């Protein structure tokens, strides 16, 4: 699991770095300002020795984005997923609030836009069993690659792959717990009325 997470994470980062110059050269008519709301769901794969045995899980993200420049979106989002863990009658929920700037690379002559970004934010984990719970907070940082397809002037389909490193304050012991999360998501985004196209 750890090796798989590292390989997929390395691929996301390498693709982000390798494709950026070529995609930047593409041009298309894009809106220059405006707000967008979006939501997505997908599979979240947790890795790392401190999270050994944690199940993959379905989860959701929602965000509001601002087109700060013609090729720069700044998103503020929230994530939630709930994972099974190898303890009787316990599960692990992960809640994150994050900022995510994305560089946009429109494909000339089409409705397709590639996006590469970074993500950083506050993360909370909670392990529950009945009425008892254990929790701690921390931070996460990572990289994001996305493809958007405009199916209408005010509706986009989106596919997202992300790799994030997590660090939590310890629940037991004195050392921080660290791990990684790979996200594979699909979703929709909608520009808000009054946005400049």
C-alpha atoms as a PDB file:
ATOM      1  CA  UNK A   1       0.000   0.000   0.000  1.00  0.00           C
ATOM      2  CA  UNK A   2       2.791   2.465   0.915  1.00  0.00           C
ATOM      3  CA  UNK A   3       4.743   1.670  -2.257  1.00  0.00           C
ATOM      4  CA  UNK A   4       1.613   2.064  -4.413  1.00  0.00           C
ATOM      5  CA  UNK A   5       0.811   5.422  -2.805  1.00  0.00           C
ATOM      6  CA  UNK A   6       4.345   6.699  -3.412  1.00  0.00           C
ATOM      7  CA  UNK A   7       4.344   5.574  -7.059  1.00  0.00           C
ATOM      8  CA  UNK A   8       0.979   7.208  -7.828  1.00  0.00           C
ATOM      9  CA  UNK A   9       1.999  10.365  -5.955  1.00  0.00           C
ATOM     10  CA  UNK A  10       5.261  10.561  -7.911  1.00  0.00           C
ATOM     11  CA  UNK A  11       3.343  10.158 -11.192  1.00  0.00           C
ATOM     12  CA  UNK A  12       0.966  13.026 -10.321  1.00  0.00           C
ATOM     13  CA  UNK A  13       3.898  15.316  -9.476  1.00  0.00           C
ATOM     14  CA  UNK A  14       5.935  14.300 -12.575  1.00  0.00           C
ATOM     15  CA  UNK A  15       2.969  14.820 -14.887  1.00  0.00           C
ATOM     16  CA  UNK A  16       2.334  18.211 -13.300  1.00  0.00           C
ATOM     17  CA  UNK A  17       5.923  19.331 -13.863  1.00  0.00           C
ATOM     18  CA  UNK A  18       6.384  17.687 -17.249  1.00  0.00           C
ATOM     19  CA  UNK A  19       3.138  18.774 -18.913  1.00  0.00           C
ATOM     20  CA  UNK A  20       3.004  22.346 -17.620  1.00  0.00           C
ATOM     21  CA  UNK A  21       5.242  24.008 -20.279  1.00  0.00           C
ATOM     22  CA  UNK A  22       3.493  22.314 -23.207  1.00  0.00           C
ATOM     23  CA  UNK A  23       0.013  22.975 -21.897  1.00  0.00           C
ATOM     24  CA  UNK A  24       0.823  26.603 -21.060  1.00  0.00           C
ATOM     25  CA  UNK A  25       1.381  27.229 -24.771  1.00  0.00           C
ATOM     26  CA  UNK A  26      -2.220  26.288 -25.580  1.00  0.00           C
ATOM     27  CA  UNK A  27      -4.697  29.138 -25.907  1.00  0.00           C
ATOM     28  CA  UNK A  28      -8.477  29.500 -25.742  1.00  0.00           C
ATOM     29  CA  UNK A  29     -11.157  32.013 -24.849  1.00  0.00           C
ATOM     30  CA  UNK A  30     -11.554  31.761 -21.097  1.00  0.00           C
ATOM     31  CA  UNK A  31     -13.427  33.861 -18.590  1.00  0.00           C
ATOM     32  CA  UNK A  32     -11.176  36.315 -16.789  1.00  0.00           C
ATOM     33  CA  UNK A  33     -13.032  36.804 -13.491  1.00  0.00           C
ATOM     34  CA  UNK A  34     -15.796  35.175 -11.503  1.00  0.00           C
ATOM     35  CA  UNK A  35     -16.907  32.699  -8.860  1.00  0.00           C
ATOM     36  CA  UNK A  36     -17.539  28.990  -9.336  1.00  0.00           C
ATOM     37  CA  UNK A  37     -18.992  26.348  -7.033  1.00  0.00           C
ATOM     38  CA  UNK A  38     -18.173  22.688  -7.449  1.00  0.00           C
ATOM     39  CA  UNK A  39     -18.624  19.288  -5.861  1.00  0.00           C
ATOM     40  CA  UNK A  40     -17.088  15.894  -6.496  1.00  0.00           C
ATOM     41  CA  UNK A  41     -16.960  12.405  -5.097  1.00  0.00           C
ATOM     42  CA  UNK A  42     -14.658   9.468  -5.498  1.00  0.00           C
ATOM     43  CA  UNK A  43     -12.246   6.975  -4.037  1.00  0.00           C
ATOM     44  CA  UNK A  44      -9.709   7.945  -1.361  1.00  0.00           C
ATOM     45  CA  UNK A  45      -6.759   5.635  -0.722  1.00  0.00           C
ATOM     46  CA  UNK A  46      -4.932   6.087   2.596  1.00  0.00           C
ATOM     47  CA  UNK A  47      -1.305   4.969   2.900  1.00  0.00           C
ATOM     48  CA  UNK A  48       1.625   5.101   5.290  1.00  0.00           C
ATOM     49  CA  UNK A  49       2.863   2.955   8.179  1.00  0.00           C
ATOM     50  CA  UNK A  50       0.855   4.926  10.748  1.00  0.00           C
ATOM     51  CA  UNK A  51      -2.341   4.121   8.831  1.00  0.00           C
ATOM     52  CA  UNK A  52      -1.579   0.505   8.000  1.00  0.00           C
ATOM     53  CA  UNK A  53      -4.775  -1.481   7.528  1.00  0.00           C
ATOM     54  CA  UNK A  54      -6.956   1.578   6.933  1.00  0.00           C
ATOM     55  CA  UNK A  55      -9.554   0.834   4.256  1.00  0.00           C
ATOM     56  CA  UNK A  56      -9.995   2.794   1.058  1.00  0.00           C
ATOM     57  CA  UNK A  57     -13.258   4.720   1.120  1.00  0.00           C
ATOM     58  CA  UNK A  58     -15.658   6.840  -0.868  1.00  0.00           C
ATOM     59  CA  UNK A  59     -15.708  10.519   0.051  1.00  0.00           C
ATOM     60  CA  UNK A  60     -16.859  13.946  -1.067  1.00  0.00           C
ATOM     61  CA  UNK A  61     -15.360  17.363  -1.732  1.00  0.00           C
ATOM     62  CA  UNK A  62     -17.052  20.726  -2.219  1.00  0.00           C
ATOM     63  CA  UNK A  63     -15.438  24.046  -3.068  1.00  0.00           C
ATOM     64  CA  UNK A  64     -15.914  27.641  -4.105  1.00  0.00           C
ATOM     65  CA  UNK A  65     -13.412  28.994  -6.588  1.00  0.00           C
ATOM     66  CA  UNK A  66     -12.400  32.438  -7.801  1.00  0.00           C
ATOM     67  CA  UNK A  67     -10.909  33.081 -11.229  1.00  0.00           C
ATOM     68  CA  UNK A  68      -8.204  35.480 -10.049  1.00  0.00           C
ATOM     69  CA  UNK A  69      -6.447  35.667 -13.425  1.00  0.00           C
ATOM     70  CA  UNK A  70      -7.208  34.332 -16.873  1.00  0.00           C
ATOM     71  CA  UNK A  71      -5.268  31.152 -16.123  1.00  0.00           C
ATOM     72  CA  UNK A  72      -5.406  31.008 -12.329  1.00  0.00           C
ATOM     73  CA  UNK A  73      -8.195  29.677 -10.136  1.00  0.00           C
ATOM     74  CA  UNK A  74      -8.033  29.889  -6.345  1.00  0.00           C
ATOM     75  CA  UNK A  75     -10.300  27.346  -4.642  1.00  0.00           C
ATOM     76  CA  UNK A  76     -11.342  27.029  -1.005  1.00  0.00           C
ATOM     77  CA  UNK A  77     -12.719  23.584  -0.260  1.00  0.00           C
ATOM     78  CA  UNK A  78     -13.811  21.019   2.268  1.00  0.00           C
ATOM     79  CA  UNK A  79     -13.334  17.245   2.202  1.00  0.00           C
ATOM     80  CA  UNK A  80     -14.927  14.382   4.148  1.00  0.00           C
ATOM     81  CA  UNK A  81     -14.369  10.629   4.032  1.00  0.00           C
ATOM     82  CA  UNK A  82     -14.946   7.758   6.462  1.00  0.00           C
ATOM     83  CA  UNK A  83     -12.625   4.739   6.517  1.00  0.00           C
ATOM     84  CA  UNK A  84     -12.696   1.350   8.184  1.00  0.00           C
ATOM     85  CA  UNK A  85      -9.735   0.566  10.452  1.00  0.00           C
ATOM     86  CA  UNK A  86      -8.467  -2.749  11.909  1.00  0.00           C
ATOM     87  CA  UNK A  87     -10.027  -2.241  15.340  1.00  0.00           C
ATOM     88  CA  UNK A  88     -13.329  -3.762  16.478  1.00  0.00           C
ATOM     89  CA  UNK A  89     -16.349  -1.475  15.931  1.00  0.00           C
ATOM     90  CA  UNK A  90     -14.218   1.562  15.063  1.00  0.00           C
ATOM     91  CA  UNK A  91     -13.898   3.728  11.995  1.00  0.00           C
ATOM     92  CA  UNK A  92     -11.791   6.728  11.004  1.00  0.00           C
ATOM     93  CA  UNK A  93     -13.281   9.924   9.605  1.00  0.00           C
ATOM     94  CA  UNK A  94     -11.141  12.562   7.916  1.00  0.00           C
ATOM     95  CA  UNK A  95     -12.271  16.166   7.588  1.00  0.00           C
ATOM     96  CA  UNK A  96     -10.157  18.740   5.745  1.00  0.00           C
ATOM     97  CA  UNK A  97     -10.449  22.423   4.915  1.00  0.00           C
ATOM     98  CA  UNK A  98      -8.013  23.514   2.232  1.00  0.00           C
ATOM     99  CA  UNK A  99      -6.824  26.190  -0.183  1.00  0.00           C
ATOM    100  CA  UNK A 100      -6.009  25.098  -3.716  1.00  0.00           C
ATOM    101  CA  UNK A 101      -4.557  27.423  -6.381  1.00  0.00           C
ATOM    102  CA  UNK A 102      -4.712  25.898  -9.875  1.00  0.00           C
ATOM    103  CA  UNK A 103      -2.961  26.923 -13.088  1.00  0.00           C
ATOM    104  CA  UNK A 104      -5.215  26.453 -16.103  1.00  0.00           C
ATOM    105  CA  UNK A 105      -4.140  25.155 -19.500  1.00  0.00           C
ATOM    106  CA  UNK A 106      -7.006  25.385 -22.025  1.00  0.00           C
ATOM    107  CA  UNK A 107      -6.780  23.108 -25.056  1.00  0.00           C
ATOM    108  CA  UNK A 108      -7.011  25.326 -28.115  1.00  0.00           C
ATOM    109  CA  UNK A 109     -10.221  25.003 -30.099  1.00  0.00           C
ATOM    110  CA  UNK A 110     -11.996  22.777 -27.591  1.00  0.00           C
ATOM    111  CA  UNK A 111     -13.987  22.855 -24.359  1.00  0.00           C
ATOM    112  CA  UNK A 112     -11.263  20.991 -22.469  1.00  0.00           C
ATOM    113  CA  UNK A 113      -9.143  22.670 -19.786  1.00  0.00           C
ATOM    114  CA  UNK A 114      -6.277  20.972 -17.972  1.00  0.00           C
ATOM    115  CA  UNK A 115      -5.427  22.194 -14.462  1.00  0.00           C
ATOM    116  CA  UNK A 116      -2.408  21.630 -12.239  1.00  0.00           C
ATOM    117  CA  UNK A 117      -2.339  22.839  -8.661  1.00  0.00           C
ATOM    118  CA  UNK A 118      -1.142  22.550  -5.120  1.00  0.00           C
ATOM    119  CA  UNK A 119      -3.221  21.996  -2.003  1.00  0.00           C
ATOM    120  CA  UNK A 120      -2.605  22.877   1.629  1.00  0.00           C
ATOM    121  CA  UNK A 121      -4.891  22.958   4.619  1.00  0.00           C
ATOM    122  CA  UNK A 122      -6.086  21.953   8.069  1.00  0.00           C
ATOM    123  CA  UNK A 123      -7.029  18.304   8.661  1.00  0.00           C
ATOM    124  CA  UNK A 124      -8.903  16.572  11.485  1.00  0.00           C
ATOM    125  CA  UNK A 125      -9.196  12.839  12.105  1.00  0.00           C
ATOM    126  CA  UNK A 126     -11.601  11.146  14.473  1.00  0.00           C
ATOM    127  CA  UNK A 127     -11.869   7.499  15.441  1.00  0.00           C
ATOM    128  CA  UNK A 128     -15.242   6.586  16.895  1.00  0.00           C
ATOM    129  CA  UNK A 129     -16.813   3.582  18.574  1.00  0.00           C
ATOM    130  CA  UNK A 130     -20.277   3.957  19.985  1.00  0.00           C
ATOM    131  CA  UNK A 131     -20.226   7.025  22.250  1.00  0.00           C
ATOM    132  CA  UNK A 132     -16.422   7.195  22.619  1.00  0.00           C
ATOM    133  CA  UNK A 133     -14.104   8.998  20.237  1.00  0.00           C
ATOM    134  CA  UNK A 134     -10.454   9.910  19.812  1.00  0.00           C
ATOM    135  CA  UNK A 135      -9.370  12.788  17.618  1.00  0.00           C
ATOM    136  CA  UNK A 136      -6.476  15.036  16.653  1.00  0.00           C
ATOM    137  CA  UNK A 137      -5.740  17.733  14.102  1.00  0.00           C
ATOM    138  CA  UNK A 138      -2.892  18.449  11.739  1.00  0.00           C
ATOM    139  CA  UNK A 139      -2.093  19.632   8.247  1.00  0.00           C
ATOM    140  CA  UNK A 140      -1.937  18.328   4.720  1.00  0.00           C
ATOM    141  CA  UNK A 141      -0.030  19.396   1.602  1.00  0.00           C
ATOM    142  CA  UNK A 142      -0.152  17.960  -1.884  1.00  0.00           C
ATOM    143  CA  UNK A 143      -0.556  18.237  -5.650  1.00  0.00           C
ATOM    144  CA  UNK A 144      -3.629  18.111  -7.867  1.00  0.00           C
ATOM    145  CA  UNK A 145      -4.169  17.378 -11.568  1.00  0.00           C
ATOM    146  CA  UNK A 146      -7.580  17.901 -13.155  1.00  0.00           C
ATOM    147  CA  UNK A 147      -9.350  17.841 -16.497  1.00  0.00           C
ATOM    148  CA  UNK A 148     -12.471  19.956 -17.043  1.00  0.00           C
ATOM    149  CA  UNK A 149     -14.897  19.598 -19.931  1.00  0.00           C
ATOM    150  CA  UNK A 150     -17.488  22.267 -20.602  1.00  0.00           C
ATOM    151  CA  UNK A 151     -20.731  20.492 -21.442  1.00  0.00           C
ATOM    152  CA  UNK A 152     -22.590  23.827 -21.456  1.00  0.00           C
ATOM    153  CA  UNK A 153     -21.749  27.490 -20.925  1.00  0.00           C
ATOM    154  CA  UNK A 154     -22.641  27.177 -17.249  1.00  0.00           C
ATOM    155  CA  UNK A 155     -21.743  23.549 -16.498  1.00  0.00           C
ATOM    156  CA  UNK A 156     -18.411  21.714 -16.395  1.00  0.00           C
ATOM    157  CA  UNK A 157     -17.599  18.065 -15.834  1.00  0.00           C
ATOM    158  CA  UNK A 158     -14.381  17.479 -13.921  1.00  0.00           C
ATOM    159  CA  UNK A 159     -12.039  14.568 -13.230  1.00  0.00           C
ATOM    160  CA  UNK A 160      -9.436  15.059 -10.489  1.00  0.00           C
ATOM    161  CA  UNK A 161      -6.434  13.112  -9.235  1.00  0.00           C
ATOM    162  CA  UNK A 162      -4.695  14.276  -6.072  1.00  0.00           C
ATOM    163  CA  UNK A 163      -1.861  13.180  -3.812  1.00  0.00           C
ATOM    164  CA  UNK A 164      -1.604  14.602  -0.291  1.00  0.00           C
ATOM    165  CA  UNK A 165       0.786  14.106   2.599  1.00  0.00           C
ATOM    166  CA  UNK A 166      -0.836  14.264   6.051  1.00  0.00           C
ATOM    167  CA  UNK A 167       0.625  14.944   9.489  1.00  0.00           C
ATOM    168  CA  UNK A 168      -1.422  14.671  12.690  1.00  0.00           C
ATOM    169  CA  UNK A 169      -0.782  15.437  16.330  1.00  0.00           C
ATOM    170  CA  UNK A 170      -0.451  12.117  18.190  1.00  0.00           C
ATOM    171  CA  UNK A 171      -3.479  10.458  19.772  1.00  0.00           C
ATOM    172  CA  UNK A 172      -1.315   7.957  21.639  1.00  0.00           C
ATOM    173  CA  UNK A 173       2.408   8.446  22.283  1.00  0.00           C
ATOM    174  CA  UNK A 174       4.573  11.464  21.548  1.00  0.00           C
ATOM    175  CA  UNK A 175       5.334  11.234  17.826  1.00  0.00           C
ATOM    176  CA  UNK A 176       3.204  12.745  15.067  1.00  0.00           C
ATOM    177  CA  UNK A 177       1.290  10.320  12.874  1.00  0.00           C
ATOM    178  CA  UNK A 178       1.985  10.728   9.156  1.00  0.00           C
ATOM    179  CA  UNK A 179       0.473   9.238   6.034  1.00  0.00           C
ATOM    180  CA  UNK A 180      -0.768   9.965   2.546  1.00  0.00           C
ATOM    181  CA  UNK A 181      -4.064  10.095   0.690  1.00  0.00           C
ATOM    182  CA  UNK A 182      -4.628   9.558  -3.019  1.00  0.00           C
ATOM    183  CA  UNK A 183      -7.917  10.910  -4.345  1.00  0.00           C
ATOM    184  CA  UNK A 184      -9.584   9.894  -7.621  1.00  0.00           C
ATOM    185  CA  UNK A 185     -12.717  11.977  -8.133  1.00  0.00           C
ATOM    186  CA  UNK A 186     -15.352  13.027 -10.650  1.00  0.00           C
ATOM    187  CA  UNK A 187     -17.666  15.988 -10.246  1.00  0.00           C
ATOM    188  CA  UNK A 188     -19.401  19.095 -11.550  1.00  0.00           C
ATOM    189  CA  UNK A 189     -18.700  22.812 -11.345  1.00  0.00           C
ATOM    190  CA  UNK A 190     -21.030  25.718 -12.074  1.00  0.00           C
ATOM    191  CA  UNK A 191     -20.068  29.397 -12.585  1.00  0.00           C
ATOM    192  CA  UNK A 192     -22.200  31.695 -10.449  1.00  0.00           C
ATOM    193  CA  UNK A 193     -24.439  34.295 -12.098  1.00  0.00           C
ATOM    194  CA  UNK A 194     -22.646  37.537 -12.839  1.00  0.00           C
ATOM    195  CA  UNK A 195     -19.292  35.872 -13.556  1.00  0.00           C
ATOM    196  CA  UNK A 196     -17.294  37.418 -16.368  1.00  0.00           C
ATOM    197  CA  UNK A 197     -16.863  35.043 -19.317  1.00  0.00           C
END
